[in-house]
């Protein structure tokens, strides 16, 4: 192996190691919040009306420990 080929192999290994390190640090945690709102309305002829509204909040926390 020539010096040039050895240098290419070393650089390739360093790039692969840095890529793996960056992926490990960048993907270490994830926070997701989802809000679901459901609304139902019913109107009558008089002044009375009924509104039913539900709200669900889901939170998911994934972190590397």
N, C-alpha and C. Protein backbone atom coordinates (compact mmCIF):
# COMPACT_ATOMS: atom_id res chain seq x y z
N UNK A 1 0.83 -1.18 0.00
CA UNK A 1 0.00 0.00 0.00
C UNK A 1 0.88 1.25 0.00
N UNK A 2 0.47 2.18 -0.81
CA UNK A 2 1.24 3.42 -0.86
C UNK A 2 0.77 4.36 0.24
N UNK A 3 1.55 5.37 0.43
CA UNK A 3 1.21 6.37 1.44
C UNK A 3 -0.12 7.06 1.14
N UNK A 4 -0.37 7.29 -0.12
CA UNK A 4 -1.61 7.96 -0.53
C UNK A 4 -2.82 7.09 -0.21
N UNK A 5 -2.73 5.78 -0.45
CA UNK A 5 -3.83 4.88 -0.16
C UNK A 5 -4.08 4.78 1.35
N UNK A 6 -3.02 4.74 2.13
CA UNK A 6 -3.15 4.68 3.59
C UNK A 6 -3.84 5.94 4.10
N UNK A 7 -3.45 7.08 3.55
CA UNK A 7 -4.06 8.35 3.96
C UNK A 7 -5.54 8.36 3.62
N UNK A 8 -5.94 7.85 2.47
CA UNK A 8 -7.35 7.78 2.09
C UNK A 8 -8.13 6.89 3.06
N UNK A 9 -7.56 5.77 3.46
CA UNK A 9 -8.23 4.85 4.38
C UNK A 9 -8.40 5.52 5.75
N UNK A 10 -7.37 6.20 6.22
CA UNK A 10 -7.43 6.87 7.52
C UNK A 10 -8.48 7.97 7.50
N UNK A 11 -8.52 8.76 6.45
CA UNK A 11 -9.51 9.83 6.33
C UNK A 11 -10.93 9.24 6.28
N UNK A 12 -11.12 8.15 5.55
CA UNK A 12 -12.44 7.51 5.47
C UNK A 12 -12.89 7.01 6.84
N UNK A 13 -11.98 6.43 7.60
CA UNK A 13 -12.32 5.94 8.93
C UNK A 13 -12.67 7.10 9.85
N UNK A 14 -11.93 8.19 9.78
CA UNK A 14 -12.22 9.36 10.60
C UNK A 14 -13.59 9.97 10.26
N UNK A 15 -13.90 10.06 8.99
CA UNK A 15 -15.20 10.60 8.57
C UNK A 15 -16.32 9.70 9.07
N UNK A 16 -16.15 8.39 8.98
CA UNK A 16 -17.18 7.47 9.46
C UNK A 16 -17.37 7.60 10.97
N UNK A 17 -16.27 7.74 11.70
CA UNK A 17 -16.36 7.88 13.15
C UNK A 17 -17.04 9.19 13.54
N UNK A 18 -16.72 10.27 12.87
CA UNK A 18 -17.35 11.56 13.16
C UNK A 18 -18.83 11.56 12.80
N UNK A 19 -19.18 10.90 11.72
CA UNK A 19 -20.60 10.78 11.34
C UNK A 19 -21.38 10.00 12.38
N UNK A 20 -20.82 8.91 12.86
CA UNK A 20 -21.48 8.11 13.89
C UNK A 20 -21.63 8.90 15.18
N UNK A 21 -20.61 9.67 15.55
CA UNK A 21 -20.67 10.49 16.75
C UNK A 21 -21.74 11.57 16.63
N UNK A 22 -21.79 12.23 15.48
CA UNK A 22 -22.80 13.28 15.26
C UNK A 22 -24.21 12.70 15.29
N UNK A 23 -24.40 11.53 14.72
CA UNK A 23 -25.72 10.90 14.73
C UNK A 23 -26.11 10.50 16.15
N UNK A 24 -25.16 10.01 16.91
CA UNK A 24 -25.44 9.63 18.30
C UNK A 24 -25.81 10.81 19.16
N UNK A 25 -25.15 11.93 18.97
CA UNK A 25 -25.46 13.12 19.76
C UNK A 25 -26.73 13.80 19.28
N UNK A 26 -26.95 13.81 18.00
CA UNK A 26 -28.12 14.49 17.44
C UNK A 26 -29.42 13.75 17.67
N UNK A 27 -29.37 12.45 17.80
CA UNK A 27 -30.58 11.66 17.97
C UNK A 27 -30.74 11.16 19.40
N UNK A 28 -30.17 11.85 20.36
CA UNK A 28 -30.19 11.36 21.73
C UNK A 28 -31.51 11.60 22.44
N UNK A 29 -32.31 12.57 22.00
CA UNK A 29 -33.58 12.80 22.67
C UNK A 29 -34.62 13.30 21.69
N UNK A 30 -35.87 13.09 22.07
CA UNK A 30 -36.97 13.51 21.21
C UNK A 30 -38.18 13.80 22.09
N UNK A 31 -38.78 14.95 21.93
CA UNK A 31 -39.99 15.32 22.66
C UNK A 31 -41.10 15.60 21.65
N UNK A 32 -42.23 14.95 21.86
CA UNK A 32 -43.36 15.12 20.95
C UNK A 32 -44.60 15.43 21.78
N UNK A 33 -45.34 16.46 21.39
CA UNK A 33 -46.61 16.79 22.03
C UNK A 33 -47.67 16.89 20.95
N UNK A 34 -48.76 16.17 21.16
CA UNK A 34 -49.85 16.17 20.19
C UNK A 34 -51.13 16.58 20.90
N UNK A 35 -51.82 17.55 20.36
CA UNK A 35 -53.08 18.03 20.95
C UNK A 35 -54.22 17.71 20.00
N UNK A 36 -55.23 17.05 20.53
CA UNK A 36 -56.40 16.69 19.73
C UNK A 36 -57.62 17.38 20.33
N UNK A 37 -58.33 18.17 19.54
CA UNK A 37 -59.53 18.86 20.00
C UNK A 37 -60.72 18.41 19.16
N UNK A 38 -61.75 17.96 19.85
CA UNK A 38 -62.98 17.54 19.18
C UNK A 38 -64.11 18.41 19.69
N UNK A 39 -64.89 18.96 18.77
CA UNK A 39 -65.98 19.86 19.14
C UNK A 39 -67.26 19.40 18.45
N UNK A 40 -68.32 19.35 19.22
CA UNK A 40 -69.62 18.98 18.69
C UNK A 40 -70.64 20.02 19.14
N UNK A 41 -71.42 20.55 18.20
CA UNK A 41 -72.42 21.58 18.52
C UNK A 41 -73.81 21.09 18.12
N UNK A 42 -74.77 21.43 18.95
CA UNK A 42 -76.15 21.11 18.64
C UNK A 42 -76.99 22.34 18.96
N UNK A 43 -77.71 22.82 17.97
CA UNK A 43 -78.53 24.02 18.15
C UNK A 43 -80.00 23.64 18.14
N UNK A 44 -80.75 24.24 19.06
CA UNK A 44 -82.19 24.07 19.08
C UNK A 44 -82.85 25.34 18.58
N UNK A 45 -84.14 25.35 18.42
CA UNK A 45 -84.85 26.52 17.91
C UNK A 45 -84.92 27.65 18.94
N UNK A 46 -84.93 27.31 20.19
CA UNK A 46 -84.99 28.35 21.23
C UNK A 46 -83.58 28.90 21.47
N UNK A 47 -83.41 29.60 22.57
CA UNK A 47 -82.10 30.19 22.89
C UNK A 47 -81.09 29.19 23.44
N UNK A 48 -81.51 27.98 23.65
CA UNK A 48 -80.63 26.98 24.27
C UNK A 48 -79.81 26.28 23.20
N UNK A 49 -78.54 26.15 23.46
CA UNK A 49 -77.66 25.38 22.58
C UNK A 49 -76.72 24.55 23.44
N UNK A 50 -76.24 23.48 22.87
CA UNK A 50 -75.34 22.58 23.58
C UNK A 50 -74.04 22.47 22.79
N UNK A 51 -72.92 22.68 23.48
CA UNK A 51 -71.61 22.52 22.85
C UNK A 51 -70.80 21.56 23.72
N UNK A 52 -70.34 20.49 23.12
CA UNK A 52 -69.48 19.53 23.82
C UNK A 52 -68.11 19.63 23.17
N UNK A 53 -67.11 19.91 24.00
CA UNK A 53 -65.75 20.04 23.48
C UNK A 53 -64.82 19.21 24.36
N UNK A 54 -64.02 18.36 23.71
CA UNK A 54 -63.04 17.56 24.44
C UNK A 54 -61.66 17.90 23.91
N UNK A 55 -60.69 17.86 24.79
CA UNK A 55 -59.32 18.18 24.40
C UNK A 55 -58.40 17.13 25.03
N UNK A 56 -57.61 16.50 24.21
CA UNK A 56 -56.67 15.48 24.67
C UNK A 56 -55.26 15.94 24.34
N UNK A 57 -54.38 15.93 25.33
CA UNK A 57 -52.98 16.28 25.12
C UNK A 57 -52.14 15.06 25.45
N UNK A 58 -51.38 14.61 24.47
CA UNK A 58 -50.49 13.47 24.66
C UNK A 58 -49.05 13.95 24.56
N UNK A 59 -48.24 13.52 25.49
CA UNK A 59 -46.82 13.90 25.49
C UNK A 59 -45.97 12.65 25.52
N UNK A 60 -44.98 12.59 24.67
CA UNK A 60 -44.06 11.46 24.60
C UNK A 60 -42.65 12.01 24.72
N UNK A 61 -41.91 11.51 25.67
CA UNK A 61 -40.54 11.96 25.88
C UNK A 61 -39.61 10.76 25.74
N UNK A 62 -38.80 10.78 24.74
CA UNK A 62 -37.81 9.73 24.54
C UNK A 62 -36.43 10.34 24.67
N UNK A 63 -35.74 9.91 25.70
CA UNK A 63 -34.39 10.44 25.89
C UNK A 63 -33.44 9.30 26.20
N UNK A 64 -32.25 9.45 25.75
CA UNK A 64 -31.21 8.46 25.96
C UNK A 64 -30.68 8.61 27.36
N UNK A 65 -30.70 7.56 28.13
CA UNK A 65 -30.23 7.64 29.51
C UNK A 65 -28.99 6.82 29.73
